[in-house]
Each structure stands twice: as structure tokens, then as C-alpha cells.
ModelCIF file with pLDDT and N, C-alpha, C, O atoms, coordinates in Angstrom:
data_MODEL
#
_entry.id   MODEL 
#
_entity.id                         1 
_entity.type                       polymer 
_entity.pdbx_number_of_molecules   1 
#
_entity_poly.entity_id                      1 
_entity_poly.type                           'polypeptide(L)' 
_entity_poly.nstd_linkage                   no 
_entity_poly.nstd_monomer                   no 
_entity_poly.pdbx_seq_one_letter_code       KTLGIPLIFDPANFVQCGAETYPYAYNLLKEHIVYMHIKDCLADTGKV 
_entity_poly.pdbx_seq_one_letter_code_can   KTLGIPLIFDPANFVQCGAETYPYAYNLLKEHIVYMHIKDCLADTGKV 
_entity_poly.pdbx_strand_id                 A 
#
loop_
_entity_poly_seq.entity_id 
_entity_poly_seq.num 
_entity_poly_seq.mon_id 
_entity_poly_seq.hetero 
1 1  LYS n 
1 2  THR n 
1 3  LEU n 
1 4  GLY n 
1 5  ILE n 
1 6  PRO n 
1 7  LEU n 
1 8  ILE n 
1 9  PHE n 
1 10 ASP n 
1 11 PRO n 
1 12 ALA n 
1 13 ASN n 
1 14 PHE n 
1 15 VAL n 
1 16 GLN n 
1 17 CYS n 
1 18 GLY n 
1 19 ALA n 
1 20 GLU n 
1 21 THR n 
1 22 TYR n 
1 23 PRO n 
1 24 TYR n 
1 25 ALA n 
1 26 TYR n 
1 27 ASN n 
1 28 LEU n 
1 29 LEU n 
1 30 LYS n 
1 31 GLU n 
1 32 HIS n 
1 33 ILE n 
1 34 VAL n 
1 35 TYR n 
1 36 MET n 
1 37 HIS n 
1 38 ILE n 
1 39 LYS n 
1 40 ASP n 
1 41 CYS n 
1 42 LEU n 
1 43 ALA n 
1 44 ASP n 
1 45 THR n 
1 46 GLY n 
1 47 LYS n 
1 48 VAL n 
#
_struct_asym.id          A 
_struct_asym.entity_id   1 
#
loop_
_ma_qa_metric.id 
_ma_qa_metric.mode 
_ma_qa_metric.name 
_ma_qa_metric.software_group_id 
_ma_qa_metric.type 
1 global pLDDT . pLDDT 
2 local  pLDDT . pLDDT 
#
_ma_qa_metric_global.metric_id      1 
_ma_qa_metric_global.metric_value   96.52 
_ma_qa_metric_global.model_id       1 
_ma_qa_metric_global.ordinal_id     1 
#
loop_
_ma_qa_metric_local.label_asym_id 
_ma_qa_metric_local.label_comp_id 
_ma_qa_metric_local.label_seq_id 
_ma_qa_metric_local.metric_id 
_ma_qa_metric_local.metric_value 
_ma_qa_metric_local.model_id 
_ma_qa_metric_local.ordinal_id 
A LYS 1  2 98.00 1 1  
A THR 2  2 98.00 1 2  
A LEU 3  2 98.00 1 3  
A GLY 4  2 97.00 1 4  
A ILE 5  2 97.00 1 5  
A PRO 6  2 98.00 1 6  
A LEU 7  2 98.00 1 7  
A ILE 8  2 98.00 1 8  
A PHE 9  2 98.00 1 9  
A ASP 10 2 97.00 1 10 
A PRO 11 2 98.00 1 11 
A ALA 12 2 96.00 1 12 
A ASN 13 2 96.00 1 13 
A PHE 14 2 98.00 1 14 
A VAL 15 2 98.00 1 15 
A GLN 16 2 96.00 1 16 
A CYS 17 2 96.00 1 17 
A GLY 18 2 97.00 1 18 
A ALA 19 2 98.00 1 19 
A GLU 20 2 98.00 1 20 
A THR 21 2 98.00 1 21 
A TYR 22 2 98.00 1 22 
A PRO 23 2 98.00 1 23 
A TYR 24 2 98.00 1 24 
A ALA 25 2 98.00 1 25 
A TYR 26 2 98.00 1 26 
A ASN 27 2 98.00 1 27 
A LEU 28 2 98.00 1 28 
A LEU 29 2 98.00 1 29 
A LYS 30 2 98.00 1 30 
A GLU 31 2 97.00 1 31 
A HIS 32 2 98.00 1 32 
A ILE 33 2 98.00 1 33 
A VAL 34 2 97.00 1 34 
A TYR 35 2 95.00 1 35 
A MET 36 2 97.00 1 36 
A HIS 37 2 95.00 1 37 
A ILE 38 2 95.00 1 38 
A LYS 39 2 92.00 1 39 
A ASP 40 2 95.00 1 40 
A CYS 41 2 94.00 1 41 
A LEU 42 2 94.00 1 42 
A ALA 43 2 97.00 1 43 
A ASP 44 2 97.00 1 44 
A THR 45 2 94.00 1 45 
A GLY 46 2 92.00 1 46 
A LYS 47 2 90.00 1 47 
A VAL 48 2 88.00 1 48 
#
loop_
_atom_site.group_PDB 
_atom_site.id 
_atom_site.type_symbol 
_atom_site.label_atom_id 
_atom_site.label_alt_id 
_atom_site.label_comp_id 
_atom_site.label_asym_id 
_atom_site.label_entity_id 
_atom_site.label_seq_id 
_atom_site.pdbx_PDB_ins_code 
_atom_site.Cartn_x 
_atom_site.Cartn_y 
_atom_site.Cartn_z 
_atom_site.occupancy 
_atom_site.B_iso_or_equiv 
_atom_site.pdbx_formal_charge 
_atom_site.auth_seq_id 
_atom_site.auth_comp_id 
_atom_site.auth_asym_id 
_atom_site.auth_atom_id 
_atom_site.pdbx_PDB_model_num 
ATOM 1   N N  . LYS A 1 1  ? 54.982 29.216 -14.333 1.00 98.00 ? 1  LYS A N  1 
ATOM 2   C CA . LYS A 1 1  ? 55.154 30.555 -14.594 1.00 98.00 ? 1  LYS A CA 1 
ATOM 3   C C  . LYS A 1 1  ? 56.283 30.510 -15.922 1.00 98.00 ? 1  LYS A C  1 
ATOM 4   O O  . LYS A 1 1  ? 56.023 31.125 -16.956 1.00 98.00 ? 1  LYS A O  1 
ATOM 5   N N  . THR A 1 2  ? 57.326 29.857 -15.797 1.00 98.00 ? 2  THR A N  1 
ATOM 6   C CA . THR A 1 2  ? 58.500 29.803 -16.649 1.00 98.00 ? 2  THR A CA 1 
ATOM 7   C C  . THR A 1 2  ? 57.835 29.185 -18.133 1.00 98.00 ? 2  THR A C  1 
ATOM 8   O O  . THR A 1 2  ? 58.211 29.711 -19.180 1.00 98.00 ? 2  THR A O  1 
ATOM 9   N N  . LEU A 1 3  ? 56.989 28.225 -18.171 1.00 98.00 ? 3  LEU A N  1 
ATOM 10  C CA . LEU A 1 3  ? 56.610 27.462 -19.197 1.00 98.00 ? 3  LEU A CA 1 
ATOM 11  C C  . LEU A 1 3  ? 55.269 27.837 -19.605 1.00 98.00 ? 3  LEU A C  1 
ATOM 12  O O  . LEU A 1 3  ? 55.020 27.794 -20.809 1.00 98.00 ? 3  LEU A O  1 
ATOM 13  N N  . GLY A 1 4  ? 54.315 28.218 -18.742 1.00 97.00 ? 4  GLY A N  1 
ATOM 14  C CA . GLY A 1 4  ? 53.134 28.335 -18.936 1.00 97.00 ? 4  GLY A CA 1 
ATOM 15  C C  . GLY A 1 4  ? 52.144 27.301 -18.929 1.00 97.00 ? 4  GLY A C  1 
ATOM 16  O O  . GLY A 1 4  ? 51.091 27.363 -19.563 1.00 97.00 ? 4  GLY A O  1 
ATOM 17  N N  . ILE A 1 5  ? 52.502 26.344 -18.196 1.00 97.00 ? 5  ILE A N  1 
ATOM 18  C CA . ILE A 1 5  ? 51.988 25.168 -18.018 1.00 97.00 ? 5  ILE A CA 1 
ATOM 19  C C  . ILE A 1 5  ? 51.015 25.046 -17.011 1.00 97.00 ? 5  ILE A C  1 
ATOM 20  O O  . ILE A 1 5  ? 51.324 25.595 -15.954 1.00 97.00 ? 5  ILE A O  1 
ATOM 21  N N  . PRO A 1 6  ? 49.706 24.365 -17.049 1.00 98.00 ? 6  PRO A N  1 
ATOM 22  C CA . PRO A 1 6  ? 48.825 24.281 -15.972 1.00 98.00 ? 6  PRO A CA 1 
ATOM 23  C C  . PRO A 1 6  ? 49.346 23.129 -15.050 1.00 98.00 ? 6  PRO A C  1 
ATOM 24  O O  . PRO A 1 6  ? 50.243 22.336 -15.338 1.00 98.00 ? 6  PRO A O  1 
ATOM 25  N N  . LEU A 1 7  ? 48.589 23.181 -13.839 1.00 98.00 ? 7  LEU A N  1 
ATOM 26  C CA . LEU A 1 7  ? 49.198 22.261 -12.816 1.00 98.00 ? 7  LEU A CA 1 
ATOM 27  C C  . LEU A 1 7  ? 48.124 21.137 -12.264 1.00 98.00 ? 7  LEU A C  1 
ATOM 28  O O  . LEU A 1 7  ? 46.935 21.436 -12.145 1.00 98.00 ? 7  LEU A O  1 
ATOM 29  N N  . ILE A 1 8  ? 48.526 20.076 -11.998 1.00 98.00 ? 8  ILE A N  1 
ATOM 30  C CA . ILE A 1 8  ? 47.620 19.098 -11.170 1.00 98.00 ? 8  ILE A CA 1 
ATOM 31  C C  . ILE A 1 8  ? 48.018 19.159 -9.803  1.00 98.00 ? 8  ILE A C  1 
ATOM 32  O O  . ILE A 1 8  ? 49.196 19.031 -9.470  1.00 98.00 ? 8  ILE A O  1 
ATOM 33  N N  . PHE A 1 9  ? 47.144 19.337 -9.046  1.00 98.00 ? 9  PHE A N  1 
ATOM 34  C CA . PHE A 1 9  ? 47.524 19.665 -7.511  1.00 98.00 ? 9  PHE A CA 1 
ATOM 35  C C  . PHE A 1 9  ? 47.168 18.154 -6.726  1.00 98.00 ? 9  PHE A C  1 
ATOM 36  O O  . PHE A 1 9  ? 46.095 17.561 -6.620  1.00 98.00 ? 9  PHE A O  1 
ATOM 37  N N  . ASP A 1 10 ? 48.593 17.793 -6.213  1.00 97.00 ? 10 ASP A N  1 
ATOM 38  C CA . ASP A 1 10 ? 48.138 16.501 -5.392  1.00 97.00 ? 10 ASP A CA 1 
ATOM 39  C C  . ASP A 1 10 ? 48.585 16.558 -3.978  1.00 97.00 ? 10 ASP A C  1 
ATOM 40  O O  . ASP A 1 10 ? 49.741 16.344 -3.612  1.00 97.00 ? 10 ASP A O  1 
ATOM 41  N N  . PRO A 1 11 ? 47.479 16.895 -3.129  1.00 98.00 ? 11 PRO A N  1 
ATOM 42  C CA . PRO A 1 11 ? 48.087 17.139 -1.806  1.00 98.00 ? 11 PRO A CA 1 
ATOM 43  C C  . PRO A 1 11 ? 48.716 16.027 -0.998  1.00 98.00 ? 11 PRO A C  1 
ATOM 44  O O  . PRO A 1 11 ? 49.530 16.345 -0.130  1.00 98.00 ? 11 PRO A O  1 
ATOM 45  N N  . ALA A 1 12 ? 48.429 14.790 -1.192  1.00 96.00 ? 12 ALA A N  1 
ATOM 46  C CA . ALA A 1 12 ? 49.153 13.519 -0.703  1.00 96.00 ? 12 ALA A CA 1 
ATOM 47  C C  . ALA A 1 12 ? 50.797 13.620 -0.995  1.00 96.00 ? 12 ALA A C  1 
ATOM 48  O O  . ALA A 1 12 ? 51.645 13.452 -0.119  1.00 96.00 ? 12 ALA A O  1 
ATOM 49  N N  . ASN A 1 13 ? 51.065 13.909 -2.314  1.00 96.00 ? 13 ASN A N  1 
ATOM 50  C CA . ASN A 1 13 ? 52.422 14.291 -2.719  1.00 96.00 ? 13 ASN A CA 1 
ATOM 51  C C  . ASN A 1 13 ? 53.078 15.479 -2.169  1.00 96.00 ? 13 ASN A C  1 
ATOM 52  O O  . ASN A 1 13 ? 54.307 15.451 -2.097  1.00 96.00 ? 13 ASN A O  1 
ATOM 53  N N  . PHE A 1 14 ? 52.427 16.551 -1.757  1.00 98.00 ? 14 PHE A N  1 
ATOM 54  C CA . PHE A 1 14 ? 52.833 17.692 -1.191  1.00 98.00 ? 14 PHE A CA 1 
ATOM 55  C C  . PHE A 1 14 ? 53.207 17.331 0.304   1.00 98.00 ? 14 PHE A C  1 
ATOM 56  O O  . PHE A 1 14 ? 54.304 17.651 0.762   1.00 98.00 ? 14 PHE A O  1 
ATOM 57  N N  . VAL A 1 15 ? 52.277 16.669 1.035   1.00 98.00 ? 15 VAL A N  1 
ATOM 58  C CA . VAL A 1 15 ? 52.306 16.200 2.264   1.00 98.00 ? 15 VAL A CA 1 
ATOM 59  C C  . VAL A 1 15 ? 53.735 15.389 2.459   1.00 98.00 ? 15 VAL A C  1 
ATOM 60  O O  . VAL A 1 15 ? 54.573 15.636 3.327   1.00 98.00 ? 15 VAL A O  1 
ATOM 61  N N  . GLN A 1 16 ? 53.815 14.317 1.401   1.00 96.00 ? 16 GLN A N  1 
ATOM 62  C CA . GLN A 1 16 ? 54.951 13.443 1.619   1.00 96.00 ? 16 GLN A CA 1 
ATOM 63  C C  . GLN A 1 16 ? 56.396 14.418 1.495   1.00 96.00 ? 16 GLN A C  1 
ATOM 64  O O  . GLN A 1 16 ? 57.396 14.248 2.193   1.00 96.00 ? 16 GLN A O  1 
ATOM 65  N N  . CYS A 1 17 ? 56.271 15.236 0.666   1.00 96.00 ? 17 CYS A N  1 
ATOM 66  C CA . CYS A 1 17 ? 57.645 16.149 0.586   1.00 96.00 ? 17 CYS A CA 1 
ATOM 67  C C  . CYS A 1 17 ? 57.605 17.236 1.701   1.00 96.00 ? 17 CYS A C  1 
ATOM 68  O O  . CYS A 1 17 ? 58.384 18.183 1.591   1.00 96.00 ? 17 CYS A O  1 
ATOM 69  N N  . GLY A 1 18 ? 56.770 17.177 2.753   1.00 97.00 ? 18 GLY A N  1 
ATOM 70  C CA . GLY A 1 18 ? 56.799 18.150 3.850   1.00 97.00 ? 18 GLY A CA 1 
ATOM 71  C C  . GLY A 1 18 ? 56.320 19.469 3.543   1.00 97.00 ? 18 GLY A C  1 
ATOM 72  O O  . GLY A 1 18 ? 56.667 20.445 4.207   1.00 97.00 ? 18 GLY A O  1 
ATOM 73  N N  . ALA A 1 19 ? 55.607 19.534 2.652   1.00 98.00 ? 19 ALA A N  1 
ATOM 74  C CA . ALA A 1 19 ? 54.922 21.042 2.086   1.00 98.00 ? 19 ALA A CA 1 
ATOM 75  C C  . ALA A 1 19 ? 53.607 21.058 2.801   1.00 98.00 ? 19 ALA A C  1 
ATOM 76  O O  . ALA A 1 19 ? 52.846 20.100 2.940   1.00 98.00 ? 19 ALA A O  1 
ATOM 77  N N  . GLU A 1 20 ? 53.437 22.366 3.265   1.00 98.00 ? 20 GLU A N  1 
ATOM 78  C CA . GLU A 1 20 ? 52.019 22.825 3.902   1.00 98.00 ? 20 GLU A CA 1 
ATOM 79  C C  . GLU A 1 20 ? 51.001 22.917 2.628   1.00 98.00 ? 20 GLU A C  1 
ATOM 80  O O  . GLU A 1 20 ? 51.026 23.838 1.812   1.00 98.00 ? 20 GLU A O  1 
ATOM 81  N N  . THR A 1 21 ? 50.224 21.958 2.599   1.00 98.00 ? 21 THR A N  1 
ATOM 82  C CA . THR A 1 21 ? 49.162 22.062 1.241   1.00 98.00 ? 21 THR A CA 1 
ATOM 83  C C  . THR A 1 21 ? 48.314 23.128 1.348   1.00 98.00 ? 21 THR A C  1 
ATOM 84  O O  . THR A 1 21 ? 47.981 23.670 0.295   1.00 98.00 ? 21 THR A O  1 
ATOM 85  N N  . TYR A 1 22 ? 47.852 23.589 2.471   1.00 98.00 ? 22 TYR A N  1 
ATOM 86  C CA . TYR A 1 22 ? 46.660 24.673 2.809   1.00 98.00 ? 22 TYR A CA 1 
ATOM 87  C C  . TYR A 1 22 ? 47.271 25.134 3.982   1.00 98.00 ? 22 TYR A C  1 
ATOM 88  O O  . TYR A 1 22 ? 47.752 24.391 4.838   1.00 98.00 ? 22 TYR A O  1 
ATOM 89  N N  . PRO A 1 23 ? 47.252 26.490 4.027   1.00 98.00 ? 23 PRO A N  1 
ATOM 90  C CA . PRO A 1 23 ? 46.921 27.614 2.712   1.00 98.00 ? 23 PRO A CA 1 
ATOM 91  C C  . PRO A 1 23 ? 48.169 27.756 1.872   1.00 98.00 ? 23 PRO A C  1 
ATOM 92  O O  . PRO A 1 23 ? 48.076 28.091 0.691   1.00 98.00 ? 23 PRO A O  1 
ATOM 93  N N  . TYR A 1 24 ? 49.278 27.524 2.418   1.00 98.00 ? 24 TYR A N  1 
ATOM 94  C CA . TYR A 1 24 ? 50.337 27.713 1.563   1.00 98.00 ? 24 TYR A CA 1 
ATOM 95  C C  . TYR A 1 24 ? 50.609 27.322 0.197   1.00 98.00 ? 24 TYR A C  1 
ATOM 96  O O  . TYR A 1 24 ? 50.815 28.230 -0.609  1.00 98.00 ? 24 TYR A O  1 
ATOM 97  N N  . ALA A 1 25 ? 50.643 26.137 -0.192  1.00 98.00 ? 25 ALA A N  1 
ATOM 98  C CA . ALA A 1 25 ? 50.925 25.600 -1.379  1.00 98.00 ? 25 ALA A CA 1 
ATOM 99  C C  . ALA A 1 25 ? 49.536 25.976 -2.133  1.00 98.00 ? 25 ALA A C  1 
ATOM 100 O O  . ALA A 1 25 ? 49.629 26.514 -3.236  1.00 98.00 ? 25 ALA A O  1 
ATOM 101 N N  . TYR A 1 26 ? 48.444 25.755 -1.667  1.00 98.00 ? 26 TYR A N  1 
ATOM 102 C CA . TYR A 1 26 ? 47.273 26.487 -2.417  1.00 98.00 ? 26 TYR A CA 1 
ATOM 103 C C  . TYR A 1 26 ? 47.156 27.527 -3.078  1.00 98.00 ? 26 TYR A C  1 
ATOM 104 O O  . TYR A 1 26 ? 46.796 27.624 -4.251  1.00 98.00 ? 26 TYR A O  1 
ATOM 105 N N  . ASN A 1 27 ? 47.559 28.631 -2.105  1.00 98.00 ? 27 ASN A N  1 
ATOM 106 C CA . ASN A 1 27 ? 47.553 30.019 -2.332  1.00 98.00 ? 27 ASN A CA 1 
ATOM 107 C C  . ASN A 1 27 ? 48.646 30.175 -3.370  1.00 98.00 ? 27 ASN A C  1 
ATOM 108 O O  . ASN A 1 27 ? 48.379 30.836 -4.374  1.00 98.00 ? 27 ASN A O  1 
ATOM 109 N N  . LEU A 1 28 ? 49.707 29.700 -3.253  1.00 98.00 ? 28 LEU A N  1 
ATOM 110 C CA . LEU A 1 28 ? 50.610 29.998 -4.002  1.00 98.00 ? 28 LEU A CA 1 
ATOM 111 C C  . LEU A 1 28 ? 50.369 29.454 -5.552  1.00 98.00 ? 28 LEU A C  1 
ATOM 112 O O  . LEU A 1 28 ? 50.929 29.927 -6.541  1.00 98.00 ? 28 LEU A O  1 
ATOM 113 N N  . LEU A 1 29 ? 49.541 28.501 -5.552  1.00 98.00 ? 29 LEU A N  1 
ATOM 114 C CA . LEU A 1 29 ? 49.595 27.932 -7.046  1.00 98.00 ? 29 LEU A CA 1 
ATOM 115 C C  . LEU A 1 29 ? 47.807 28.019 -7.494  1.00 98.00 ? 29 LEU A C  1 
ATOM 116 O O  . LEU A 1 29 ? 47.355 27.544 -8.536  1.00 98.00 ? 29 LEU A O  1 
ATOM 117 N N  . LYS A 1 30 ? 47.169 28.575 -6.671  1.00 98.00 ? 30 LYS A N  1 
ATOM 118 C CA . LYS A 1 30 ? 45.677 28.503 -7.281  1.00 98.00 ? 30 LYS A CA 1 
ATOM 119 C C  . LYS A 1 30 ? 45.406 29.019 -8.579  1.00 98.00 ? 30 LYS A C  1 
ATOM 120 O O  . LYS A 1 30 ? 44.466 28.583 -9.244  1.00 98.00 ? 30 LYS A O  1 
ATOM 121 N N  . GLU A 1 31 ? 46.231 29.998 -9.020  1.00 97.00 ? 31 GLU A N  1 
ATOM 122 C CA . GLU A 1 31 ? 46.003 30.579 -10.435 1.00 97.00 ? 31 GLU A CA 1 
ATOM 123 C C  . GLU A 1 31 ? 46.318 29.385 -11.568 1.00 97.00 ? 31 GLU A C  1 
ATOM 124 O O  . GLU A 1 31 ? 45.733 29.329 -12.650 1.00 97.00 ? 31 GLU A O  1 
ATOM 125 N N  . HIS A 1 32 ? 47.231 28.545 -11.177 1.00 98.00 ? 32 HIS A N  1 
ATOM 126 C CA . HIS A 1 32 ? 47.525 27.402 -12.188 1.00 98.00 ? 32 HIS A CA 1 
ATOM 127 C C  . HIS A 1 32 ? 47.008 26.082 -12.052 1.00 98.00 ? 32 HIS A C  1 
ATOM 128 O O  . HIS A 1 32 ? 47.363 25.194 -12.827 1.00 98.00 ? 32 HIS A O  1 
ATOM 129 N N  . ILE A 1 33 ? 46.025 25.839 -10.932 1.00 98.00 ? 33 ILE A N  1 
ATOM 130 C CA . ILE A 1 33 ? 45.466 24.589 -10.700 1.00 98.00 ? 33 ILE A CA 1 
ATOM 131 C C  . ILE A 1 33 ? 44.227 24.184 -11.628 1.00 98.00 ? 33 ILE A C  1 
ATOM 132 O O  . ILE A 1 33 ? 43.146 24.753 -11.470 1.00 98.00 ? 33 ILE A O  1 
ATOM 133 N N  . VAL A 1 34 ? 44.401 23.191 -12.599 1.00 97.00 ? 34 VAL A N  1 
ATOM 134 C CA . VAL A 1 34 ? 43.299 22.961 -13.499 1.00 97.00 ? 34 VAL A CA 1 
ATOM 135 C C  . VAL A 1 34 ? 42.944 21.380 -13.117 1.00 97.00 ? 34 VAL A C  1 
ATOM 136 O O  . VAL A 1 34 ? 42.085 20.760 -13.744 1.00 97.00 ? 34 VAL A O  1 
ATOM 137 N N  . TYR A 1 35 ? 43.456 20.984 -12.374 1.00 95.00 ? 35 TYR A N  1 
ATOM 138 C CA . TYR A 1 35 ? 43.265 19.319 -11.952 1.00 95.00 ? 35 TYR A CA 1 
ATOM 139 C C  . TYR A 1 35 ? 43.616 18.889 -10.772 1.00 95.00 ? 35 TYR A C  1 
ATOM 140 O O  . TYR A 1 35 ? 44.719 19.250 -10.362 1.00 95.00 ? 35 TYR A O  1 
ATOM 141 N N  . MET A 1 36 ? 42.905 18.144 -10.048 1.00 97.00 ? 36 MET A N  1 
ATOM 142 C CA . MET A 1 36 ? 43.288 17.788 -8.552  1.00 97.00 ? 36 MET A CA 1 
ATOM 143 C C  . MET A 1 36 ? 43.078 16.639 -8.507  1.00 97.00 ? 36 MET A C  1 
ATOM 144 O O  . MET A 1 36 ? 42.056 16.120 -8.955  1.00 97.00 ? 36 MET A O  1 
ATOM 145 N N  . HIS A 1 37 ? 44.403 15.782 -7.727  1.00 95.00 ? 37 HIS A N  1 
ATOM 146 C CA . HIS A 1 37 ? 44.118 14.492 -7.419  1.00 95.00 ? 37 HIS A CA 1 
ATOM 147 C C  . HIS A 1 37 ? 43.722 14.416 -5.923  1.00 95.00 ? 37 HIS A C  1 
ATOM 148 O O  . HIS A 1 37 ? 44.046 15.161 -4.998  1.00 95.00 ? 37 HIS A O  1 
ATOM 149 N N  . ILE A 1 38 ? 42.951 13.338 -5.937  1.00 95.00 ? 38 ILE A N  1 
ATOM 150 C CA . ILE A 1 38 ? 42.147 13.247 -4.795  1.00 95.00 ? 38 ILE A CA 1 
ATOM 151 C C  . ILE A 1 38 ? 43.001 12.060 -3.975  1.00 95.00 ? 38 ILE A C  1 
ATOM 152 O O  . ILE A 1 38 ? 42.900 10.886 -4.330  1.00 95.00 ? 38 ILE A O  1 
ATOM 153 N N  . LYS A 1 39 ? 43.707 12.390 -3.040  1.00 92.00 ? 39 LYS A N  1 
ATOM 154 C CA . LYS A 1 39 ? 44.745 11.384 -2.323  1.00 92.00 ? 39 LYS A CA 1 
ATOM 155 C C  . LYS A 1 39 ? 45.152 11.958 -1.043  1.00 92.00 ? 39 LYS A C  1 
ATOM 156 O O  . LYS A 1 39 ? 45.731 13.044 -1.068  1.00 92.00 ? 39 LYS A O  1 
ATOM 157 N N  . ASP A 1 40 ? 44.942 11.409 0.012   1.00 95.00 ? 40 ASP A N  1 
ATOM 158 C CA . ASP A 1 40 ? 45.312 12.259 1.390   1.00 95.00 ? 40 ASP A CA 1 
ATOM 159 C C  . ASP A 1 40 ? 46.460 11.457 1.890   1.00 95.00 ? 40 ASP A C  1 
ATOM 160 O O  . ASP A 1 40 ? 46.711 10.363 1.385   1.00 95.00 ? 40 ASP A O  1 
ATOM 161 N N  . CYS A 1 41 ? 47.157 11.948 2.846   1.00 94.00 ? 41 CYS A N  1 
ATOM 162 C CA . CYS A 1 41 ? 48.448 11.371 3.630   1.00 94.00 ? 41 CYS A CA 1 
ATOM 163 C C  . CYS A 1 41 ? 48.618 12.046 4.849   1.00 94.00 ? 41 CYS A C  1 
ATOM 164 O O  . CYS A 1 41 ? 48.395 13.226 5.118   1.00 94.00 ? 41 CYS A O  1 
ATOM 165 N N  . LEU A 1 42 ? 49.115 10.977 5.668   1.00 94.00 ? 42 LEU A N  1 
ATOM 166 C CA . LEU A 1 42 ? 49.703 11.431 7.053   1.00 94.00 ? 42 LEU A CA 1 
ATOM 167 C C  . LEU A 1 42 ? 50.913 12.071 7.087   1.00 94.00 ? 42 LEU A C  1 
ATOM 168 O O  . LEU A 1 42 ? 51.887 11.524 6.571   1.00 94.00 ? 42 LEU A O  1 
ATOM 169 N N  . ALA A 1 43 ? 51.019 13.289 7.685   1.00 97.00 ? 43 ALA A N  1 
ATOM 170 C CA . ALA A 1 43 ? 52.461 13.943 7.632   1.00 97.00 ? 43 ALA A CA 1 
ATOM 171 C C  . ALA A 1 43 ? 53.510 13.152 8.401   1.00 97.00 ? 43 ALA A C  1 
ATOM 172 O O  . ALA A 1 43 ? 54.667 13.170 7.982   1.00 97.00 ? 43 ALA A O  1 
ATOM 173 N N  . ASP A 1 44 ? 53.153 12.355 9.654   1.00 97.00 ? 44 ASP A N  1 
ATOM 174 C CA . ASP A 1 44 ? 53.956 11.857 10.339  1.00 97.00 ? 44 ASP A CA 1 
ATOM 175 C C  . ASP A 1 44 ? 54.742 10.528 9.763   1.00 97.00 ? 44 ASP A C  1 
ATOM 176 O O  . ASP A 1 44 ? 55.934 10.316 9.985   1.00 97.00 ? 44 ASP A O  1 
ATOM 177 N N  . THR A 1 45 ? 53.877 9.657  8.981   1.00 94.00 ? 45 THR A N  1 
ATOM 178 C CA . THR A 1 45 ? 54.408 8.448  8.528   1.00 94.00 ? 45 THR A CA 1 
ATOM 179 C C  . THR A 1 45 ? 54.467 8.504  6.921   1.00 94.00 ? 45 THR A C  1 
ATOM 180 O O  . THR A 1 45 ? 55.055 7.567  6.383   1.00 94.00 ? 45 THR A O  1 
ATOM 181 N N  . GLY A 1 46 ? 53.916 9.512  6.094   1.00 92.00 ? 46 GLY A N  1 
ATOM 182 C CA . GLY A 1 46 ? 53.832 9.562  4.595   1.00 92.00 ? 46 GLY A CA 1 
ATOM 183 C C  . GLY A 1 46 ? 52.772 8.592  4.147   1.00 92.00 ? 46 GLY A C  1 
ATOM 184 O O  . GLY A 1 46 ? 52.517 8.475  2.948   1.00 92.00 ? 46 GLY A O  1 
ATOM 185 N N  . LYS A 1 47 ? 52.091 7.830  5.153   1.00 90.00 ? 47 LYS A N  1 
ATOM 186 C CA . LYS A 1 47 ? 51.037 6.821  4.605   1.00 90.00 ? 47 LYS A CA 1 
ATOM 187 C C  . LYS A 1 47 ? 49.790 7.415  3.803   1.00 90.00 ? 47 LYS A C  1 
ATOM 188 O O  . LYS A 1 47 ? 49.223 8.422  4.226   1.00 90.00 ? 47 LYS A O  1 
ATOM 189 N N  . VAL A 1 48 ? 49.391 6.792  2.677   1.00 88.00 ? 48 VAL A N  1 
ATOM 190 C CA . VAL A 1 48 ? 48.250 7.239  1.951   1.00 88.00 ? 48 VAL A CA 1 
ATOM 191 C C  . VAL A 1 48 ? 47.238 6.805  2.802   1.00 88.00 ? 48 VAL A C  1 
ATOM 192 O O  . VAL A 1 48 ? 46.059 7.011  2.513   1.00 88.00 ? 48 VAL A O  1 
#
């Protein structure tokens, strides 16, 4: 919002930061997502 830059959404990185990817992060950011990294992660271990 501040810079007007589009976002790459990386679900695994959000998981590793302790963020809920869906629905929370997705719904918050959906208007700005132009690219998605396909990578998954286990919340309990941080393992890809």
C-alpha cells in the first residue's frame, strides 16, 4: 500500500514465520498478489 508494489506470495515462508496463509494472509493480500511461489511447509518443524 505504501509503495504501490505488487507481491509475490510464498506460503512456505509465511508458515515459517508463524502466519496463517489461508484464509488470513491470502485475504489480506489478495488484491496485491501477482506471483505465487509454489512451496509448502510444515508448521511444527518449519521443514519444506
